[in-house]
Protein backbone atom coordinates (compact mmCIF):
# COMPACT_ATOMS: atom_id res chain seq x y z
CA UNK A 1 0.00 0.00 0.00
CA UNK A 2 1.32 3.44 -0.86
CA UNK A 3 2.29 5.74 2.03
CA UNK A 4 -0.28 8.30 3.11
CA UNK A 5 0.03 11.83 1.79
CA UNK A 6 -0.34 13.55 5.18
CA UNK A 7 -0.77 17.31 5.28
CA UNK A 8 -0.34 19.27 8.52
CA UNK A 9 -2.74 22.15 8.89
CA UNK A 10 -3.34 24.91 11.38
CA UNK A 11 -5.70 27.89 11.20
CA UNK A 12 -5.65 31.06 13.30
CA UNK A 13 -8.50 31.95 15.62
CA UNK A 14 -9.97 34.71 13.46
CA UNK A 15 -9.79 32.29 10.50
CA UNK A 16 -8.10 34.83 8.25
CA UNK A 17 -4.99 32.69 7.70
CA UNK A 18 -4.26 28.94 7.62
CA UNK A 19 -0.99 27.06 7.08
CA UNK A 20 -0.82 23.75 5.17
CA UNK A 21 2.47 21.79 5.04
CA UNK A 22 3.39 18.34 3.77
CA UNK A 23 5.93 17.68 6.54
CA UNK A 24 7.42 19.12 9.72
CA UNK A 25 10.83 17.39 9.69
CA UNK A 26 13.45 18.79 7.32
CA UNK A 27 16.71 16.95 6.71
CA UNK A 28 20.17 18.50 6.68
CA UNK A 29 22.06 16.33 4.19
CA UNK A 30 25.33 18.17 5.06
CA UNK A 31 25.79 19.28 1.45
CA UNK A 32 22.19 20.54 1.18
CA UNK A 33 19.07 21.06 3.32
CA UNK A 34 15.47 20.26 2.45
CA UNK A 35 13.61 23.48 1.55
CA UNK A 36 10.57 24.55 3.57
CA UNK A 37 7.48 24.71 1.41
CA UNK A 38 3.75 24.93 2.00
CA UNK A 39 0.57 26.77 1.18
CA UNK A 40 -1.23 29.64 2.94
CA UNK A 41 -5.03 29.66 2.75
CA UNK A 42 -6.68 33.04 3.32
CA UNK A 43 -10.19 34.36 3.86
CA UNK A 44 -10.37 37.73 2.02
CA UNK A 45 -13.36 38.87 4.07
CA UNK A 46 -11.69 38.11 7.40
CA UNK A 47 -8.53 39.92 6.27
CA UNK A 48 -10.39 43.24 5.98
CA UNK A 49 -7.77 44.67 3.65
CA UNK A 50 -4.70 43.45 5.57
CA UNK A 51 -1.74 41.74 3.91
CA UNK A 52 -0.52 38.22 4.72
CA UNK A 53 3.09 37.37 5.56
CA UNK A 54 4.92 34.17 6.46
CA UNK A 55 8.23 33.90 8.32
CA UNK A 56 10.78 31.15 8.91
CA UNK A 57 12.83 31.63 12.08
CA UNK A 58 15.52 29.84 14.06
CA UNK A 59 15.70 30.81 17.74
CA UNK A 60 18.06 29.85 20.53
CA UNK A 61 16.47 30.10 23.96
CA UNK A 62 18.49 29.76 27.17
CA UNK A 63 15.74 30.60 29.64
CA UNK A 64 12.40 32.33 29.83
CA UNK A 65 11.76 35.26 27.51
CA UNK A 66 11.27 37.61 30.47
CA UNK A 67 14.72 36.88 31.93
CA UNK A 68 17.37 39.55 31.43
CA UNK A 69 20.54 39.50 33.52
CA UNK A 70 22.93 42.46 33.25
CA UNK A 71 21.58 43.29 29.81
CA UNK A 72 22.11 39.78 28.45
CA UNK A 73 19.07 38.50 26.59
CA UNK A 74 18.27 34.83 27.08
CA UNK A 75 16.67 34.54 23.67
CA UNK A 76 18.50 35.08 20.41
CA UNK A 77 17.17 35.04 16.88
CA UNK A 78 19.71 33.09 14.84
CA UNK A 79 17.77 33.50 11.60
CA UNK A 80 14.63 35.24 10.39
CA UNK A 81 13.25 35.47 6.86
CA UNK A 82 9.90 37.03 5.87
CA UNK A 83 7.85 36.63 2.69
CA UNK A 84 4.72 38.49 1.61
CA UNK A 85 2.19 35.91 0.48
CA UNK A 86 -0.88 38.06 -0.14
CA UNK A 87 -1.34 40.11 -2.21
CA UNK A 88 1.09 37.90 -4.15
CA UNK A 89 4.22 39.57 -5.49
CA UNK A 90 4.54 36.95 -8.24
CA UNK A 91 1.98 35.30 -10.49
CA UNK A 92 0.94 32.12 -8.69
CA UNK A 93 0.33 30.19 -11.90
CA UNK A 94 3.78 30.95 -13.34
CA UNK A 95 5.72 29.85 -10.27
CA UNK A 96 7.47 26.49 -9.89
CA UNK A 97 5.70 24.44 -7.23
CA UNK A 98 6.58 21.22 -5.45
CA UNK A 99 4.28 18.27 -6.03
CA UNK A 100 2.65 18.72 -2.60
CA UNK A 101 2.13 22.43 -3.23
CA UNK A 102 0.55 21.74 -6.61
CA UNK A 103 -1.89 19.25 -5.03
CA UNK A 104 -2.77 21.69 -2.25
CA UNK A 105 -3.33 24.57 -4.66
CA UNK A 106 -5.72 22.43 -6.70
CA UNK A 107 -7.57 21.23 -3.59
CA UNK A 108 -7.77 24.50 -1.64
CA UNK A 109 -8.81 26.70 -4.55
CA UNK A 110 -8.25 30.31 -5.58
CA UNK A 111 -7.58 31.64 -2.06
CA UNK A 112 -4.50 29.46 -1.54
CA UNK A 113 -0.99 30.82 -2.10
CA UNK A 114 2.37 28.97 -1.99
CA UNK A 115 5.44 29.88 0.08
CA UNK A 116 9.02 28.63 -0.12
CA UNK A 117 12.15 29.05 2.07
CA UNK A 118 15.69 27.73 1.85
CA UNK A 119 17.72 27.17 5.02
CA UNK A 120 21.10 28.94 5.22
CA UNK A 121 23.97 26.46 5.31
CA UNK A 122 25.23 27.43 8.77
CA UNK A 123 22.16 26.87 10.96
CA UNK A 124 22.16 24.22 13.73
CA UNK A 125 19.76 21.30 13.96
CA UNK A 126 16.83 21.22 16.37
CA UNK A 127 17.70 20.30 19.94
CA UNK A 128 16.00 20.89 23.30
CA UNK A 129 16.93 20.19 26.92
CA UNK A 130 14.17 18.22 28.63
CA UNK A 131 12.57 20.12 31.52
CA UNK A 132 11.71 18.48 34.80
CA UNK A 133 8.04 17.50 35.27
CA UNK A 134 7.46 20.48 37.61
CA UNK A 135 9.27 23.07 35.42
CA UNK A 136 7.21 25.82 33.83
CA UNK A 137 7.93 28.17 30.95
CA UNK A 138 10.14 27.71 27.92
CA UNK A 139 12.81 25.04 27.73
CA UNK A 140 16.40 25.63 26.67
CA UNK A 141 16.29 24.85 22.97
CA UNK A 142 17.19 25.59 19.37
CA UNK A 143 13.83 25.86 17.62
CA UNK A 144 12.56 26.42 14.08
CA UNK A 145 9.17 27.93 13.42
CA UNK A 146 6.94 28.92 10.53
CA UNK A 147 4.58 31.78 11.39
CA UNK A 148 1.84 33.16 9.16
CA UNK A 149 0.00 36.36 10.08
CA UNK A 150 -2.17 39.12 8.67
CA UNK A 151 -1.20 42.75 9.24
CA UNK A 152 -0.83 46.09 7.48
CA UNK A 153 2.95 45.56 7.18
CA UNK A 154 5.53 42.95 8.28
CA UNK A 155 6.63 45.21 11.16
CA UNK A 156 3.15 46.06 12.44
CA UNK A 157 1.91 44.76 15.78
CA UNK A 158 0.07 41.49 15.18
CA UNK A 159 -2.97 40.38 17.14
CA UNK A 160 -2.63 36.84 18.46
CA UNK A 161 -5.92 35.90 16.87
CA UNK A 162 -4.51 36.83 13.44
CA UNK A 163 -1.41 34.64 13.53
CA UNK A 164 -0.65 30.95 13.45
CA UNK A 165 2.61 29.21 14.35
CA UNK A 166 3.91 25.77 13.51
CA UNK A 167 7.13 24.36 14.99
CA UNK A 168 9.45 22.50 12.62
CA UNK A 169 12.40 20.21 13.19
CA UNK A 170 15.70 20.33 11.34
CA UNK A 171 17.40 16.93 11.67
CA UNK A 172 20.51 15.16 10.41
CA UNK A 173 20.86 11.54 9.36
CA UNK A 174 23.94 9.43 9.85
CA UNK A 175 26.59 9.99 7.14
CA UNK A 176 27.54 7.23 4.76
CA UNK A 177 30.40 4.89 5.75
CA UNK A 178 30.98 2.87 8.94
CA UNK A 179 33.86 4.92 10.36
CA UNK A 180 36.60 3.49 12.56
CA UNK A 181 35.48 1.38 15.53
CA UNK A 182 36.67 3.29 18.64
CA UNK A 183 38.81 1.62 21.27
CA UNK A 184 40.85 2.82 24.25
CA UNK A 185 43.21 1.07 26.63
CA UNK A 186 45.10 1.92 29.78
CA UNK A 187 47.66 0.41 32.13
CA UNK A 188 47.50 1.25 35.82
CA UNK A 189 50.28 0.57 38.32
CA UNK A 190 49.68 0.43 42.06
CA UNK A 191 51.92 0.96 45.07
CA UNK A 192 53.00 -2.36 46.64
CA UNK A 193 52.14 -4.20 43.41
CA UNK A 194 54.91 -5.48 41.14
CA UNK A 195 52.75 -5.89 38.04
CA UNK A 196 50.13 -3.57 36.51
CA UNK A 197 46.45 -3.74 35.66
CA UNK A 198 45.71 -3.57 31.92
CA UNK A 199 42.27 -2.69 30.57
CA UNK A 200 40.97 -2.33 27.02
CA UNK A 201 37.46 -1.16 26.06
CA UNK A 202 36.04 -0.91 22.56
CA UNK A 203 32.89 -0.82 20.44
CA UNK A 204 31.87 -2.68 17.29
CA UNK A 205 31.57 0.54 15.28
CA UNK A 206 31.63 4.33 15.56
CA UNK A 207 28.03 5.05 14.46
CA UNK A 208 24.96 3.66 16.20
CA UNK A 209 21.31 4.31 15.41
CA UNK A 210 18.61 5.34 17.89
CA UNK A 211 17.13 2.17 19.38
CA UNK A 212 20.19 0.03 18.60
CA UNK A 213 21.98 -1.95 21.31
CA UNK A 214 25.56 -0.80 21.93
CA UNK A 215 27.89 -3.70 22.67
CA UNK A 216 30.85 -2.68 24.85
CA UNK A 217 33.79 -5.09 24.73
CA UNK A 218 35.84 -5.03 27.94
CA UNK A 219 39.13 -6.96 28.21
CA UNK A 220 40.86 -6.95 31.62
CA UNK A 221 44.20 -8.49 32.56
CA UNK A 222 44.69 -8.00 36.29
CA UNK A 223 48.31 -8.80 37.08
CA UNK A 224 48.26 -6.47 40.07
CA UNK A 225 47.76 -7.44 43.70
CA UNK A 226 44.48 -5.50 43.81
CA UNK A 227 40.97 -6.91 43.42
CA UNK A 228 38.58 -5.21 41.03
CA UNK A 229 35.46 -5.08 43.19
CA UNK A 230 32.98 -3.88 40.59
CA UNK A 231 32.65 -2.86 36.95
CA UNK A 232 30.22 -0.12 35.86
CA UNK A 233 29.56 0.50 32.17
CA UNK A 234 27.40 3.42 31.07
CA UNK A 235 26.44 5.67 28.15
CA UNK A 236 26.82 9.38 28.88
CA UNK A 237 25.21 12.14 26.86
CA UNK A 238 27.17 15.41 26.92
CA UNK A 239 25.32 18.62 25.98
CA UNK A 240 27.42 21.77 25.65
CA UNK A 241 25.52 25.08 25.59
CA UNK A 242 28.06 27.02 23.53
CA UNK A 243 26.24 30.20 22.49
CA UNK A 244 26.14 32.00 25.86
CA UNK A 245 27.97 30.43 28.74
CA UNK A 246 29.67 27.26 27.51
CA UNK A 247 27.82 25.25 30.16
CA UNK A 248 28.25 21.49 29.92
CA UNK A 249 25.75 18.86 31.06
CA UNK A 250 26.80 15.20 31.26
CA UNK A 251 23.89 12.81 31.84
CA UNK A 252 23.98 9.02 32.13
CA UNK A 253 21.30 7.68 29.75
CA UNK A 254 22.03 3.93 30.08
CA UNK A 255 23.94 1.89 32.66
CA UNK A 256 24.97 -1.71 33.41
CA UNK A 257 26.31 -2.68 36.83
CA UNK A 258 26.29 -6.49 36.98
CA UNK A 259 28.61 -6.74 40.00
CA UNK A 260 31.52 -8.43 38.19
CA UNK A 261 34.81 -8.72 40.10
CA UNK A 262 38.32 -9.65 38.96
CA UNK A 263 40.74 -11.01 41.61
CA UNK A 264 44.54 -10.60 41.39
CA UNK A 265 46.12 -12.65 38.61
CA UNK A 266 42.80 -13.17 36.79
CA UNK A 267 41.44 -12.00 33.46
CA UNK A 268 37.99 -11.03 32.20
CA UNK A 269 36.63 -10.73 28.70
CA UNK A 270 33.00 -9.69 28.52
CA UNK A 271 30.53 -7.83 26.32
CA UNK A 272 28.17 -5.43 28.10
CA UNK A 273 24.99 -4.44 26.20
CA UNK A 274 23.67 -0.89 26.62
CA UNK A 275 20.50 0.64 25.16
CA UNK A 276 20.20 4.44 25.50
CA UNK A 277 16.51 5.36 25.13
CA UNK A 278 14.43 8.40 25.99
CA UNK A 279 11.75 6.02 27.30
CA UNK A 280 14.05 5.26 30.26
CA UNK A 281 14.89 8.93 30.90
CA UNK A 282 11.61 10.83 30.57
CA UNK A 283 11.68 12.27 34.10
CA UNK A 284 15.29 13.45 33.92
CA UNK A 285 15.86 17.19 33.66
CA UNK A 286 18.52 18.36 31.20
CA UNK A 287 18.50 15.38 28.83
CA UNK A 288 19.01 16.69 25.27
CA UNK A 289 16.28 15.76 22.78
CA UNK A 290 16.02 15.93 18.98
CA UNK A 291 13.77 18.96 19.23
CA UNK A 292 10.20 18.71 20.47
CA UNK A 293 7.04 19.19 18.46
CA UNK A 294 4.01 19.88 20.61
CA UNK A 295 2.08 16.71 21.56
CA UNK A 296 4.44 14.52 19.48
CA UNK A 297 7.04 12.06 20.68
CA UNK A 298 10.75 12.52 20.10
CA UNK A 299 14.00 10.78 21.07
CA UNK A 300 17.41 11.44 22.57
CA UNK A 301 19.27 14.13 20.67
CA UNK A 302 21.45 12.99 17.80
CA UNK A 303 25.19 13.63 17.84
CA UNK A 304 26.09 17.07 16.51
CA UNK A 305 28.05 17.13 13.25
CA UNK A 306 29.61 20.52 12.57
CA UNK A 307 30.10 21.41 8.91
CA UNK A 308 33.41 22.79 7.69
CA UNK A 309 33.65 26.55 8.09
CA UNK A 310 30.76 26.83 10.59
CA UNK A 311 31.55 28.37 13.98
CA UNK A 312 30.72 26.06 16.88
CA UNK A 313 29.25 28.98 18.85
CA UNK A 314 26.46 29.30 16.27
CA UNK A 315 25.34 25.72 16.97
CA UNK A 316 23.68 26.78 20.23
CA UNK A 317 23.74 23.33 21.85
CA UNK A 318 26.24 20.66 20.83
CA UNK A 319 25.57 17.01 21.73
CA UNK A 320 28.04 14.12 21.93
CA UNK A 321 28.05 10.60 23.39
CA UNK A 322 30.59 8.40 25.13
CA UNK A 323 30.73 4.99 26.78
CA UNK A 324 32.28 5.17 30.23
CA UNK A 325 33.89 2.10 31.80
CA UNK A 326 34.65 2.36 35.53
CA UNK A 327 36.60 -0.19 37.55
CA UNK A 328 36.27 0.03 41.33
CA UNK A 329 39.72 -0.95 42.58
CA UNK A 330 41.06 0.99 45.56
CA UNK A 331 39.57 4.07 43.91
CA UNK A 332 38.46 4.27 40.29
CA UNK A 333 39.98 3.43 36.95
CA UNK A 334 37.89 5.27 34.35
CA UNK A 335 37.94 5.05 30.54
CA UNK A 336 35.86 6.94 27.97
CA UNK A 337 35.06 5.68 24.45
CA UNK A 338 33.41 8.27 22.16
CA UNK A 339 30.81 7.28 19.56
CA UNK A 340 27.99 8.83 17.51
CA UNK A 341 24.25 8.25 17.91
CA UNK A 342 22.03 9.29 14.99
CA UNK A 343 19.09 8.37 12.77
CA UNK A 344 19.67 6.01 9.82
CA UNK A 345 19.01 7.50 6.44
CA UNK A 346 15.50 6.29 5.55
CA UNK A 347 14.60 4.65 2.29
CA UNK A 348 13.58 7.33 -0.14
CA UNK A 349 9.88 7.51 -0.95
CA UNK A 350 9.21 8.99 -4.34
CA UNK A 351 6.45 11.58 -4.44
CA UNK A 352 4.91 9.66 -7.33
CA UNK A 353 4.35 6.72 -4.94
CA UNK A 354 2.33 8.84 -2.49
CA UNK A 355 -1.40 8.34 -2.45
CA UNK A 356 -3.29 10.99 -4.37
CA UNK A 357 -5.81 11.46 -1.56
CA UNK A 358 -4.55 13.89 1.11
CA UNK A 359 -5.03 13.19 4.79
CA UNK A 360 -5.24 16.42 6.78
CA UNK A 361 -3.85 16.33 10.31
CA UNK A 362 -5.11 19.11 12.54
CA UNK A 363 -3.55 20.62 15.64
CA UNK A 364 -6.48 21.39 17.90
CA UNK A 365 -5.95 20.77 21.60
CA UNK A 366 -9.61 19.90 22.13
CA UNK A 367 -8.92 16.67 20.21
CA UNK A 368 -6.05 15.68 22.52
CA UNK A 369 -7.81 14.15 25.51
CA UNK A 370 -6.04 14.33 28.84
CA UNK A 371 -3.54 16.98 27.75
CA UNK A 372 -3.53 20.20 29.75
CA UNK A 373 -1.09 22.86 28.61
CA UNK A 374 -1.31 26.62 28.97
CA UNK A 375 1.53 27.32 26.54
CA UNK A 376 -0.06 28.80 23.45
CA UNK A 377 3.12 29.52 21.54
CA UNK A 378 3.14 26.48 19.31
CA UNK A 379 -0.51 26.45 18.71
CA UNK A 380 -0.44 30.16 18.01
CA UNK A 381 -4.06 29.43 18.31
CA UNK A 382 -6.19 26.42 17.85
CA UNK A 383 -7.02 25.08 14.45
CA UNK A 384 -10.21 26.33 12.90
CA UNK A 385 -11.13 22.86 11.68
CA UNK A 386 -12.57 22.58 8.20
CA UNK A 387 -14.24 26.01 8.29
CA UNK A 388 -11.76 27.57 5.87
CA UNK A 389 -11.23 24.61 3.59
CA UNK A 390 -13.26 24.52 0.38
CA UNK A 391 -15.34 21.51 -0.58
CA UNK A 392 -13.62 18.51 -2.17
CA UNK A 393 -12.76 18.95 -5.81
């Protein structure tokens, strides 16, 4: 069966403007980034002579919008681009449209107008630090957003009822090629011990996918007179907030502590399986996520890959992963093995294989039973349902 042709839609409260998009995740392929395209549906009567604009923005937030310490803003606009959609500056019929745009224009009728943005090459990917269950307000995050609004000019004050916002995600997939399997080793000598302790730890590969078990190979030769009392193997996620303060947060996202011991003169060769999942860390404050779309699930943040020529400070939040092997032996012997955690590149789905019939997915909180949330920023307003959409053609 062909994949569904899902269209995300959201309409502002005064029903003057609605946004229709074929997807909310946009892939950074390193050498290029998926463009942002969609269609704006307007109601000329509700506009009352106002113009319609659409913006694409990238924002880094390191605290609530109302926080300001010694003149330092905790919110920075990394990118903002604005287009006038209505009245159109170009002839709609002569423009080049994507396949989804062409379908939407045919379905939505004469009051629908296309929009198109290209991401600059130096913008970061979406990432957010998970708040604690009791936290209120905005989370620390790099966010992308499409906003459509009606106003007399792009700089005019906009009434909340006349705007609609839709959060997007910019994501990266794992690069081609397996990379070099990482491995580290160390030799530790102890006082009153003639021979040393030798430890080697390694992984099967450098790149792992979300949901994949990480096998940690540990090889211990204990020629010392000390007893290794315990072995702890964990996956640590390290999130560096580089834009403002260079804060660093290291969080354990998976751990194995089987209680293995190695007496003097003995050896141990063992593989420890680890599975870092958000499902096991949902209550932990400060865990980095791959962005967060309202009312939708996400996962642990992917490893950050910085393109050549891009300043690290512009990345906002940089994420990396490491396996930590600790030996409890009259103190600690600690080893760190870095690796990458990302999404696999999905099989390409040709637009020609998509079903012709469109399935509209609304964002109206009344439909989401059991969810209570006073944050109106992503909804920009509830969806107006089918009120603006014309009859089927």
